[in-house]
């Protein structure tokens, strides 16, 4: 952009009144409620990550549930 461009946005009250007129009060309130709930759910939940990913980011890993390593003849090196 070579020149400074300014955008003129309509006031929030006018935008909300247009939404009320087009969709109705309950639809707008329901959409607002969904937006608030969705915003609250955006937290980092480490419980859904695998152990390998937890090790990569440096988080603590419970290694008790891992299977013990079995001895294999392929592990013998001369």
Protein backbone atom coordinates (compact mmCIF):
# COMPACT_ATOMS: atom_id res chain seq x y z
CA UNK A 1 0.00 0.00 0.00
CA UNK A 2 1.50 3.26 -1.06
CA UNK A 3 -0.91 5.56 0.70
CA UNK A 4 -2.48 5.37 4.09
CA UNK A 5 -6.00 3.99 3.85
CA UNK A 6 -8.56 4.47 6.54
CA UNK A 7 -11.62 2.34 6.99
CA UNK A 8 -14.86 3.75 8.24
CA UNK A 9 -16.76 1.25 10.32
CA UNK A 10 -20.32 1.69 11.38
CA UNK A 11 -21.01 2.15 15.08
CA UNK A 12 -21.58 -1.03 17.10
CA UNK A 13 -25.12 0.00 18.06
CA UNK A 14 -26.11 0.38 14.42
CA UNK A 15 -24.60 -2.99 13.50
CA UNK A 16 -26.41 -4.73 16.37
CA UNK A 17 -29.71 -3.11 15.46
CA UNK A 18 -29.30 -4.34 11.88
CA UNK A 19 -28.69 -7.87 13.18
CA UNK A 20 -31.80 -7.66 15.39
CA UNK A 21 -33.87 -6.50 12.45
CA UNK A 22 -32.53 -9.20 10.10
CA UNK A 23 -32.37 -12.25 12.40
CA UNK A 24 -34.36 -11.42 15.50
CA UNK A 25 -33.53 -10.95 19.14
CA UNK A 26 -33.24 -14.61 20.15
CA UNK A 27 -30.98 -15.59 17.26
CA UNK A 28 -28.58 -12.75 18.03
CA UNK A 29 -28.56 -13.54 21.76
CA UNK A 30 -27.98 -17.25 21.04
CA UNK A 31 -25.07 -16.42 18.73
CA UNK A 32 -23.58 -14.17 21.42
CA UNK A 33 -23.93 -16.93 24.00
CA UNK A 34 -22.25 -19.46 21.69
CA UNK A 35 -19.38 -17.04 21.10
CA UNK A 36 -18.87 -16.56 24.84
CA UNK A 37 -18.92 -20.32 25.55
CA UNK A 38 -16.56 -21.06 22.66
CA UNK A 39 -14.13 -18.40 23.86
CA UNK A 40 -14.08 -19.89 27.36
CA UNK A 41 -13.26 -23.37 25.98
CA UNK A 42 -10.02 -22.22 24.37
CA UNK A 43 -7.67 -23.59 27.01
CA UNK A 44 -4.63 -25.76 26.59
CA UNK A 45 -5.52 -29.30 27.63
CA UNK A 46 -2.45 -31.52 27.84
CA UNK A 47 -4.48 -34.62 28.62
CA UNK A 48 -5.22 -35.19 24.94
CA UNK A 49 -1.57 -35.20 23.86
CA UNK A 50 0.43 -38.39 23.47
CA UNK A 51 3.38 -39.18 25.74
CA UNK A 52 5.83 -38.51 22.94
CA UNK A 53 4.42 -35.04 22.35
CA UNK A 54 4.46 -34.32 26.09
CA UNK A 55 8.16 -35.24 26.19
CA UNK A 56 8.83 -32.98 23.20
CA UNK A 57 7.36 -29.93 24.91
CA UNK A 58 8.97 -30.72 28.25
CA UNK A 59 5.84 -31.60 30.23
CA UNK A 60 5.82 -34.34 32.84
CA UNK A 61 4.95 -37.80 31.58
CA UNK A 62 3.60 -40.74 33.58
CA UNK A 63 5.68 -43.64 32.29
CA UNK A 64 4.03 -46.23 34.54
CA UNK A 65 1.51 -47.26 31.93
CA UNK A 66 4.12 -47.94 29.27
CA UNK A 67 4.89 -51.56 28.46
CA UNK A 68 8.23 -52.84 29.69
CA UNK A 69 10.77 -53.26 26.96
CA UNK A 70 11.18 -56.85 25.82
CA UNK A 71 14.58 -58.30 25.11
CA UNK A 72 15.18 -58.91 21.45
CA UNK A 73 18.02 -60.71 19.74
CA UNK A 74 18.33 -57.76 17.41
CA UNK A 75 19.54 -55.68 20.38
CA UNK A 76 22.76 -57.70 20.68
CA UNK A 77 25.72 -55.86 19.16
CA UNK A 78 29.24 -57.15 18.71
